[in-house]
Amino acid sequence: MLIKNQLKLCQILTNCKTVSAFSTWEKELHKIVFDPRYLLLNSEERKQIFEQFVKTRIKEEYKEKKSKLLLAKEEFKKLLEESKLSPRTTFKEFAEKYGRDQRFRLVQKRKDQEHFFNQFILILKKRDKENRLRLRKMR
């Protein structure tokens, strides 16, 4: 019976999308207190289940954020590859030309955009240098 009640409270919490993973028991209590399933547990059990829920929710939110960032990074890299940049292209030129592209705006921090751009340009420069060396050896 206790496990069923715990599961019910967990369902209340997970169904209540407004319950923040980074909030406290006291702040979130008013959002769930009126649900009849809430009264099936004593207050210690309620708080304990809430704490478990919060820990789980934090992990989920972290994973979601990480996957969104990875997706944004991949889309940004696709944009870099499709844009046919030269090793001499500056970030400012790139941003002016592609700043309105959705893939550009997926990476929200300018610092991250510049970092990904610079990594890509370094690879281009390295390839360019290798190609020039290969051409010299052929002559």
Protein backbone atom coordinates (compact mmCIF):
# COMPACT_ATOMS: atom_id res chain seq x y z
CA MET A 1 0.00 0.00 0.00
CA LEU A 2 2.81 2.40 0.88
CA ILE A 3 4.53 1.88 -2.46
CA LYS A 4 1.30 2.61 -4.34
CA ASN A 5 0.88 5.82 -2.38
CA GLN A 6 4.43 6.84 -3.10
CA LEU A 7 3.90 6.18 -6.76
CA LYS A 8 0.74 8.27 -6.70
CA LEU A 9 2.56 11.21 -5.18
CA CYS A 10 5.32 10.83 -7.74
CA GLN A 11 2.67 10.90 -10.46
CA ILE A 12 1.24 14.08 -8.99
CA LEU A 13 4.67 15.68 -9.07
CA THR A 14 5.54 14.53 -12.56
CA ASN A 15 2.16 15.56 -13.92
CA CYS A 16 2.53 18.96 -12.35
CA LYS A 17 4.87 20.53 -14.91
CA THR A 18 5.19 23.71 -12.87
CA VAL A 19 7.05 21.96 -10.05
CA SER A 20 10.62 23.14 -10.41
CA ALA A 21 13.51 20.79 -9.80
CA PHE A 22 15.48 23.61 -8.24
CA SER A 23 12.83 24.70 -5.78
CA THR A 24 12.19 23.79 -2.17
CA TRP A 25 9.45 21.68 -0.61
CA GLU A 26 7.91 24.75 1.01
CA LYS A 27 7.73 26.70 -2.24
CA GLU A 28 6.15 23.87 -4.22
CA LEU A 29 3.76 22.58 -1.57
CA HIS A 30 0.88 24.86 -2.59
CA LYS A 31 0.90 23.36 -6.10
CA ILE A 32 0.17 19.81 -4.97
CA VAL A 33 -1.54 20.13 -1.59
CA PHE A 34 -5.07 20.14 -3.04
CA ASP A 35 -4.69 16.83 -4.84
CA PRO A 36 -6.55 14.09 -2.87
CA ARG A 37 -3.72 11.61 -3.44
CA TYR A 38 -1.42 13.91 -1.53
CA LEU A 39 -3.20 13.13 1.74
CA LEU A 40 -2.57 9.40 1.44
CA LEU A 41 0.95 9.80 2.85
CA ASN A 42 2.19 11.29 6.07
CA SER A 43 4.21 14.50 5.89
CA GLU A 44 7.60 12.84 6.29
CA GLU A 45 6.92 10.47 3.41
CA ARG A 46 5.65 13.31 1.24
CA LYS A 47 8.78 15.34 1.80
CA GLN A 48 11.02 12.34 1.23
CA ILE A 49 9.31 11.51 -2.06
CA PHE A 50 9.53 15.15 -3.09
CA GLU A 51 13.30 15.12 -2.46
CA GLN A 52 13.66 11.97 -4.56
CA PHE A 53 11.61 13.56 -7.31
CA VAL A 54 13.76 16.69 -7.24
CA LYS A 55 16.98 14.69 -7.55
CA THR A 56 15.58 12.73 -10.47
CA ARG A 57 14.22 15.86 -12.14
CA ILE A 58 17.56 17.66 -11.84
CA LYS A 59 19.28 14.77 -13.62
CA GLU A 60 16.63 14.78 -16.35
CA GLU A 61 16.89 18.53 -16.86
CA TYR A 62 20.67 18.30 -17.03
CA LYS A 63 20.45 15.56 -19.67
CA GLU A 64 17.89 17.58 -21.66
CA LYS A 65 20.08 20.67 -21.55
CA LYS A 66 23.15 18.68 -22.57
CA SER A 67 21.35 17.04 -25.50
CA LYS A 68 20.01 20.42 -26.68
CA LEU A 69 23.51 21.86 -26.58
CA LEU A 70 24.90 18.90 -28.53
CA LEU A 71 22.15 19.24 -31.13
CA ALA A 72 22.81 22.98 -31.42
CA LYS A 73 26.53 22.33 -31.80
CA GLU A 74 25.95 19.75 -34.54
CA GLU A 75 23.61 22.08 -36.44
CA PHE A 76 26.11 24.94 -36.11
CA LYS A 77 28.88 22.70 -37.46
CA LYS A 78 26.68 21.74 -40.42
CA LEU A 79 26.20 25.44 -41.13
CA LEU A 80 29.96 25.97 -41.00
CA GLU A 81 30.56 23.12 -43.44
CA GLU A 82 27.84 24.28 -45.84
CA SER A 83 28.98 27.91 -45.83
CA LYS A 84 32.19 27.20 -47.82
CA LEU A 85 34.45 29.32 -45.65
CA SER A 86 38.05 30.09 -46.43
CA PRO A 87 40.78 29.86 -43.78
CA ARG A 88 40.94 33.67 -43.82
CA THR A 89 37.27 34.24 -43.02
CA THR A 90 36.71 36.06 -39.74
CA PHE A 91 33.98 35.34 -37.25
CA LYS A 92 32.58 38.82 -37.80
CA GLU A 93 32.18 38.17 -41.54
CA PHE A 94 30.60 34.80 -40.86
CA ALA A 95 28.21 36.25 -38.26
CA GLU A 96 27.13 39.06 -40.58
CA LYS A 97 26.41 36.67 -43.41
CA TYR A 98 24.76 33.83 -41.47
CA GLY A 99 23.56 35.54 -38.29
CA ARG A 100 19.91 35.18 -39.28
CA ASP A 101 20.21 31.46 -39.97
CA GLN A 102 18.31 29.36 -37.42
CA ARG A 103 21.29 27.04 -36.96
CA PHE A 104 23.46 30.02 -36.07
CA ARG A 105 21.01 31.17 -33.42
CA LEU A 106 20.65 27.70 -31.87
CA VAL A 107 24.00 28.23 -30.14
CA GLN A 108 22.93 31.06 -27.88
CA LYS A 109 26.22 32.20 -26.37
CA ARG A 110 28.40 34.31 -28.63
CA LYS A 111 31.46 32.89 -26.91
CA ASP A 112 30.43 29.34 -27.88
CA GLN A 113 29.70 30.42 -31.45
CA GLU A 114 33.16 31.95 -31.74
CA HIS A 115 34.77 28.89 -30.16
CA PHE A 116 33.11 26.48 -32.62
CA PHE A 117 33.94 28.81 -35.50
CA ASN A 118 37.60 29.07 -34.47
CA GLN A 119 37.88 25.30 -34.12
CA PHE A 120 36.49 24.90 -37.62
CA ILE A 121 38.84 27.54 -39.06
CA LEU A 122 41.83 25.83 -37.44
CA ILE A 123 40.86 22.60 -39.16
CA LEU A 124 40.51 24.47 -42.47
CA LYS A 125 43.94 26.06 -42.04
CA LYS A 126 45.48 22.70 -41.24
CA ARG A 127 43.91 21.10 -44.33
CA ASP A 128 44.99 24.02 -46.48
CA LYS A 129 48.56 23.75 -45.23
CA GLU A 130 48.62 19.99 -45.83
CA ASN A 131 47.27 20.48 -49.36
CA ARG A 132 49.94 23.08 -50.13
CA LEU A 133 52.68 20.78 -48.84
CA ARG A 134 51.33 17.91 -50.92
CA LEU A 135 51.30 20.10 -54.03
CA ARG A 136 54.91 21.17 -53.42
CA LYS A 137 56.01 17.56 -53.12
CA MET A 138 54.32 16.72 -56.41
CA ARG A 139 56.26 19.41 -58.30
